Amino acid sequence: MIVIREANDIQSGKDYALLNAGRPKLRANLDTGHGGTFAATNGGKEGKAVVAYLEWQWRGNATAKAYILNGGLQKDDWVVKQANWS
């Protein structure tokens, strides 16, 4: 998972492209600038996204997986690019 805080972060696009073809990958961009939203209550939108990702990956939480892969991030204003998730 690549989390981006600035829309003009060119390197993240290069990093995403370098990830192996056929492997699950996720690029999520929330244009908040370098400081992000972590100082907000419960980490703000970035905290919510990271916790959901970890709940899905570590605990197999289906609700968290749906938030990450089925439009929840986009509803919270993230720009998402993903591939190869089942």
Protein backbone atom coordinates (compact mmCIF):
# COMPACT_ATOMS: atom_id res chain seq x y z
CA MET A 1 0.00 0.00 0.00
CA ILE A 2 1.36 3.39 -0.99
CA VAL A 3 -0.21 6.34 0.85
CA ILE A 4 0.33 9.78 -0.69
CA ARG A 5 -0.35 13.19 0.84
CA GLU A 6 0.43 15.44 -2.10
CA ALA A 7 -1.13 15.35 -5.56
CA ASN A 8 2.14 16.28 -7.26
CA ASP A 9 4.15 13.39 -5.77
CA ILE A 10 5.68 12.07 -9.00
CA GLN A 11 7.81 9.37 -7.35
CA SER A 12 4.79 7.50 -6.00
CA GLY A 13 3.50 6.92 -9.53
CA LYS A 14 6.87 5.51 -10.49
CA ASP A 15 6.94 3.30 -7.40
CA TYR A 16 3.45 1.96 -8.13
CA ALA A 17 4.42 1.13 -11.72
CA LEU A 18 7.49 -0.77 -10.49
CA LEU A 19 5.48 -3.16 -8.32
CA ASN A 20 5.40 -6.61 -9.87
CA ALA A 21 2.67 -7.27 -12.42
CA GLY A 22 0.07 -9.68 -11.08
CA ARG A 23 0.75 -8.78 -7.43
CA PRO A 24 -1.89 -6.99 -5.34
CA LYS A 25 -1.17 -3.27 -5.14
CA LEU A 26 -2.93 -0.17 -3.89
CA ARG A 27 -2.08 3.51 -4.30
CA ALA A 28 -4.16 5.97 -2.28
CA ASN A 29 -3.79 9.75 -2.53
CA LEU A 30 -5.38 12.27 -0.19
CA ASP A 31 -4.13 15.74 -1.08
CA THR A 32 -3.49 17.09 2.42
CA GLY A 33 0.10 18.23 2.12
CA HIS A 34 3.08 16.96 4.05
CA GLY A 35 1.47 17.17 7.49
CA GLY A 36 -1.41 14.89 6.57
CA THR A 37 -4.38 14.35 8.88
CA PHE A 38 -2.69 12.36 11.64
CA ALA A 39 -2.92 15.31 14.08
CA ALA A 40 -6.73 15.24 13.79
CA THR A 41 -8.89 13.17 16.14
CA ASN A 42 -8.14 9.46 15.61
CA GLY A 43 -5.68 10.37 12.86
CA GLY A 44 -8.33 11.88 10.58
CA LYS A 45 -8.96 10.35 7.16
CA GLU A 46 -5.42 8.96 6.94
CA GLY A 47 -5.73 7.27 10.33
CA LYS A 48 -9.07 5.77 9.31
CA ALA A 49 -7.61 4.42 6.06
CA VAL A 50 -4.49 2.95 7.64
CA VAL A 51 -6.42 1.29 10.48
CA ALA A 52 -8.89 -0.17 7.97
CA TYR A 53 -6.05 -1.54 5.86
CA LEU A 54 -4.38 -3.14 8.89
CA GLU A 55 -7.70 -4.55 10.19
CA TRP A 56 -8.24 -6.16 6.80
CA GLN A 57 -4.70 -7.47 6.36
CA TRP A 58 -4.05 -8.62 9.93
CA ARG A 59 -7.52 -9.69 11.08
CA GLY A 60 -9.32 -10.46 7.83
CA ASN A 61 -12.01 -7.88 8.65
CA ALA A 62 -14.48 -7.94 5.72
CA THR A 63 -15.89 -4.48 6.51
CA ALA A 64 -12.42 -2.95 6.46
CA LYS A 65 -11.62 -4.75 3.18
CA ALA A 66 -14.80 -3.37 1.62
CA TYR A 67 -13.89 0.15 2.79
CA ILE A 68 -10.48 -0.11 1.10
CA LEU A 69 -11.48 -1.88 -2.13
CA ASN A 70 -15.15 -1.04 -2.74
CA GLY A 71 -15.36 2.74 -2.70
CA GLY A 72 -15.01 3.73 0.95
CA LEU A 73 -11.73 5.52 0.38
CA GLN A 74 -13.18 7.39 -2.59
CA LYS A 75 -16.17 8.50 -0.48
CA ASP A 76 -13.62 10.03 1.90
CA ASP A 77 -12.03 11.98 -1.00
CA TRP A 78 -9.11 9.63 -1.68
CA VAL A 79 -7.92 9.08 -5.25
CA VAL A 80 -7.30 5.35 -5.53
CA LYS A 81 -5.53 3.14 -8.02
CA GLN A 82 -5.51 -0.59 -7.36
CA ALA A 83 -4.94 -3.89 -9.11
CA ASN A 84 -5.04 -7.64 -8.54
CA TRP A 85 -7.05 -7.90 -5.32
CA SER A 86 -9.46 -10.77 -4.86
